[in-house]
Amino acid sequence: MLAIRRIEGVGDLEADLSGTGRSYFELAQSLSGQVNLQAANGSVTGIDVAQVMRRIERRPLSGGGDLRGGRTPFERLNASISLASGVATIHTADILGKQVNLLLKGEVDVGARDIDLQGHAILLTSPSGSERQGPPFDLPFIIQGSWQSPFVMLDPRSLIERSGAAQPLLEAVRNRGPVGEAAVRTVIEQLAKPTALPPAPDKTAN
């Protein structure tokens, strides 16, 4: 759910990396070490997560619509990453703002430039943007694919369960036993079609 173009803010970056190779690919494949990042009072540009989640909470089966544009302000960002043989493992990535909390973990293959991340987007405010009275809206998601054209997939079962219109149908189908469960899986597969994120900007362009 993160069309991240850039992270802005003031913070500390600690990196202890090593690698060898005669080309970028060889160097990337050999990278090992540790990276820790702490930042405050910044923003993630490229997506307004709070706006997308408010739209999903109002209409769960809409899938969030266009994920591009806007920014997500944060008060605190913490990330811990280790690298071995060119694969970066994100142990924790916690981005906390007044409206949303993003939690990420997973792997990034630096040499192959592939992403495989899992996360939770937690909306801390109500659909209108005011202080939430009930529990936060927690939406699991995954991000997979290449650096240049990753795709995001929202958790379809969570969307169905939050939809008042779809919930009675879901329960009715479940009550039909194995046949019903197969139908549920079919519905979920249809809703789970990935959404392409916008391509990263070409840094080589003038």
Protein backbone atom coordinates (compact mmCIF):
# COMPACT_ATOMS: atom_id res chain seq x y z
CA MET A 1 0.00 0.00 0.00
CA LEU A 2 3.03 2.22 -0.12
CA ALA A 3 3.75 4.12 -3.32
CA ILE A 4 6.83 5.51 -1.62
CA ARG A 5 8.79 7.99 -3.70
CA ARG A 6 10.79 9.62 -0.93
CA ILE A 7 11.07 9.80 2.85
CA GLU A 8 11.61 13.26 4.30
CA GLY A 9 12.58 14.09 7.85
CA VAL A 10 15.41 14.66 10.29
CA GLY A 11 17.04 11.63 11.84
CA ASP A 12 20.00 9.33 12.33
CA LEU A 13 21.21 6.65 9.94
CA GLU A 14 23.68 4.04 11.16
CA ALA A 15 25.09 1.73 8.49
CA ASP A 16 27.82 -0.90 8.71
CA LEU A 17 28.03 -2.50 5.26
CA SER A 18 30.62 -4.48 3.34
CA GLY A 19 30.75 -5.98 -0.13
CA THR A 20 33.05 -6.82 -3.01
CA GLY A 21 32.67 -7.03 -6.77
CA ARG A 22 33.73 -5.64 -10.12
CA SER A 23 30.22 -4.57 -11.08
CA TYR A 24 27.15 -3.18 -9.38
CA PHE A 25 25.47 -6.58 -9.59
CA GLU A 26 28.40 -8.42 -7.99
CA LEU A 27 28.68 -5.77 -5.28
CA ALA A 28 24.95 -5.86 -4.58
CA GLN A 29 24.95 -9.66 -4.34
CA SER A 30 27.73 -9.61 -1.75
CA LEU A 31 26.38 -6.87 0.53
CA SER A 32 26.32 -7.74 4.22
CA GLY A 33 25.89 -5.74 7.37
CA GLN A 34 23.39 -3.79 9.42
CA VAL A 35 21.37 -0.59 8.92
CA ASN A 36 19.40 1.27 11.59
CA LEU A 37 17.28 4.32 10.83
CA GLN A 38 15.54 6.73 13.18
CA ALA A 39 13.70 9.81 11.99
CA ALA A 40 11.16 12.29 13.32
CA ASN A 41 8.70 14.92 12.12
CA GLY A 42 8.82 13.96 8.45
CA SER A 43 6.65 12.45 5.76
CA VAL A 44 6.43 9.65 3.23
CA THR A 45 5.70 11.23 -0.15
CA GLY A 46 3.84 9.50 -2.95
CA ILE A 47 0.76 8.35 -1.04
CA ASP A 48 -1.69 9.65 1.55
CA VAL A 49 -2.27 6.48 3.56
CA ALA A 50 -4.85 8.05 5.88
CA GLN A 51 -6.96 9.21 2.94
CA VAL A 52 -6.80 5.81 1.24
CA MET A 53 -7.75 3.98 4.43
CA ARG A 54 -10.66 6.31 5.20
CA ARG A 55 -11.93 5.59 1.69
CA ILE A 56 -11.57 1.85 2.27
CA GLU A 57 -13.26 2.02 5.67
CA ARG A 58 -16.28 3.76 4.15
CA ARG A 59 -16.40 1.37 1.17
CA PRO A 60 -14.36 -1.77 2.02
CA LEU A 61 -14.88 -3.48 -1.34
CA SER A 62 -13.69 -0.47 -3.34
CA GLY A 63 -10.08 -1.59 -2.88
CA GLY A 64 -8.97 1.96 -2.08
CA GLY A 65 -9.04 3.29 -5.65
CA ASP A 66 -6.01 5.18 -6.93
CA LEU A 67 -3.16 4.86 -4.43
CA ARG A 68 -0.99 7.54 -5.97
CA GLY A 69 -0.35 11.08 -4.80
CA GLY A 70 -0.17 12.99 -1.54
CA ARG A 71 1.96 12.45 1.52
CA THR A 72 1.79 10.68 4.86
CA PRO A 73 3.18 12.76 7.75
CA PHE A 74 4.86 10.90 10.60
CA GLU A 75 6.11 11.83 14.05
CA ARG A 76 8.45 8.87 14.41
CA LEU A 77 10.14 6.37 12.10
CA ASN A 78 12.23 3.43 13.29
CA ALA A 79 13.70 0.71 11.09
CA SER A 80 16.12 -2.15 11.69
CA ILE A 81 17.59 -3.92 8.65
CA SER A 82 20.23 -6.62 8.28
CA LEU A 83 21.89 -7.67 5.02
CA ALA A 84 23.45 -10.99 4.04
CA SER A 85 24.57 -12.04 0.54
CA GLY A 86 22.75 -9.10 -1.02
CA VAL A 87 19.39 -9.72 0.66
CA ALA A 88 18.12 -7.08 3.06
CA THR A 89 15.84 -8.36 5.81
CA ILE A 90 13.62 -5.68 7.31
CA HIS A 91 13.10 -6.92 10.86
CA THR A 92 11.02 -3.93 11.92
CA ALA A 93 9.88 -0.76 10.22
CA ASP A 94 7.52 1.34 12.32
CA ILE A 95 6.15 4.62 10.94
CA LEU A 96 3.88 6.39 13.41
CA GLY A 97 1.87 9.54 12.76
CA LYS A 98 -1.17 11.22 14.26
CA GLN A 99 -3.49 9.54 11.76
CA VAL A 100 -1.84 6.28 10.77
CA ASN A 101 0.68 3.71 11.92
CA LEU A 102 2.53 1.64 9.30
CA LEU A 103 4.29 -1.59 10.27
CA LEU A 104 6.49 -3.41 7.75
CA LYS A 105 8.73 -6.45 7.62
CA GLY A 106 10.11 -8.67 4.89
CA GLU A 107 12.95 -8.92 2.41
CA VAL A 108 14.46 -6.86 -0.39
CA ASP A 109 16.83 -8.56 -2.83
CA VAL A 110 19.26 -5.75 -3.64
CA GLY A 111 20.93 -7.57 -6.53
CA ALA A 112 17.71 -8.71 -8.21
CA ARG A 113 15.90 -5.51 -7.14
CA ASP A 114 12.91 -7.48 -5.92
CA ILE A 115 10.62 -6.62 -2.99
CA ASP A 116 8.68 -9.02 -0.77
CA LEU A 117 7.14 -7.16 2.17
CA GLN A 118 4.25 -7.74 4.55
CA GLY A 119 2.69 -5.07 6.68
CA HIS A 120 -0.21 -3.51 8.52
CA ALA A 121 -1.71 -0.09 7.94
CA ILE A 122 -3.51 1.06 11.07
CA LEU A 123 -5.89 4.03 10.86
CA LEU A 124 -5.91 5.81 14.21
CA THR A 125 -8.60 8.37 13.35
CA SER A 126 -12.26 8.01 12.33
CA PRO A 127 -13.40 8.05 8.67
CA SER A 128 -14.14 11.77 9.09
CA GLY A 129 -10.62 12.41 10.35
CA SER A 130 -11.66 13.10 13.96
CA GLU A 131 -10.56 11.17 17.04
CA ARG A 132 -11.63 7.53 16.81
CA GLN A 133 -14.03 6.26 19.45
CA GLY A 134 -13.72 2.55 18.67
CA PRO A 135 -10.69 0.34 17.95
CA PRO A 136 -8.28 1.33 15.16
CA PHE A 137 -8.86 0.09 11.61
CA ASP A 138 -6.09 -2.47 11.00
CA LEU A 139 -5.59 -3.54 7.36
CA PRO A 140 -2.96 -6.18 6.46
CA PHE A 141 -1.26 -5.91 3.05
CA ILE A 142 1.70 -7.14 1.05
CA ILE A 143 4.02 -5.43 -1.43
CA GLN A 144 5.79 -7.57 -4.02
CA GLY A 145 7.56 -7.21 -7.34
CA SER A 146 10.43 -5.21 -8.74
CA TRP A 147 11.69 -1.86 -7.47
CA GLN A 148 10.45 -0.15 -10.62
CA SER A 149 6.95 -1.65 -10.72
CA PRO A 150 5.88 -3.21 -7.42
CA PHE A 151 2.28 -4.10 -6.71
CA VAL A 152 0.24 -3.93 -3.53
CA MET A 153 -2.36 -6.47 -2.42
CA LEU A 154 -4.80 -5.69 0.39
CA ASP A 155 -6.01 -8.53 2.60
CA PRO A 156 -9.30 -9.54 0.93
CA ARG A 157 -10.82 -11.36 3.90
CA SER A 158 -10.42 -8.26 6.05
CA LEU A 159 -12.19 -6.18 3.39
CA ILE A 160 -15.07 -8.65 3.12
CA GLU A 161 -15.49 -8.87 6.88
CA ARG A 162 -15.65 -5.07 7.14
CA SER A 163 -18.29 -4.80 4.44
CA GLY A 164 -21.80 -4.77 5.87
CA ALA A 165 -23.24 -5.65 2.47
CA ALA A 166 -20.94 -8.60 1.87
CA GLN A 167 -20.92 -10.08 5.37
CA PRO A 168 -24.37 -11.80 5.21
CA LEU A 169 -23.44 -13.34 1.86
CA LEU A 170 -20.11 -14.50 3.27
CA GLU A 171 -21.79 -16.18 6.24
CA ALA A 172 -24.43 -17.81 4.03
CA VAL A 173 -21.82 -19.25 1.70
CA ARG A 174 -19.68 -20.49 4.60
CA ASN A 175 -22.65 -22.41 6.01
CA ARG A 176 -22.76 -24.53 2.86
CA GLY A 177 -19.73 -26.51 4.00
CA PRO A 178 -16.80 -27.37 1.67
CA VAL A 179 -18.65 -26.06 -1.38
CA GLY A 180 -19.25 -22.79 0.42
CA GLU A 181 -15.62 -22.51 1.47
CA ALA A 182 -14.57 -23.00 -2.16
CA ALA A 183 -16.93 -20.20 -3.19
CA VAL A 184 -15.46 -17.97 -0.48
CA ARG A 185 -11.97 -18.65 -1.80
CA THR A 186 -13.13 -17.74 -5.31
CA VAL A 187 -14.53 -14.42 -4.09
CA ILE A 188 -11.35 -13.72 -2.16
CA GLU A 189 -9.17 -14.49 -5.18
CA GLN A 190 -11.18 -12.03 -7.26
CA LEU A 191 -10.81 -9.30 -4.63
CA ALA A 192 -7.12 -10.07 -4.14
CA LYS A 193 -6.06 -8.98 -7.60
CA PRO A 194 -2.96 -6.84 -7.10
CA THR A 195 -2.88 -3.10 -7.72
CA ALA A 196 0.19 -1.78 -9.51
CA LEU A 197 2.04 1.00 -7.77
CA PRO A 198 3.29 3.95 -9.82
CA PRO A 199 6.80 3.48 -11.23
CA ALA A 200 9.66 5.08 -9.39
CA PRO A 201 10.95 8.30 -10.97
CA ASP A 202 13.87 7.90 -13.36
CA LYS A 203 16.78 9.47 -11.51
CA THR A 204 18.88 9.49 -14.68
CA ALA A 205 16.48 11.81 -16.48
CA ASN A 206 17.53 15.41 -16.88
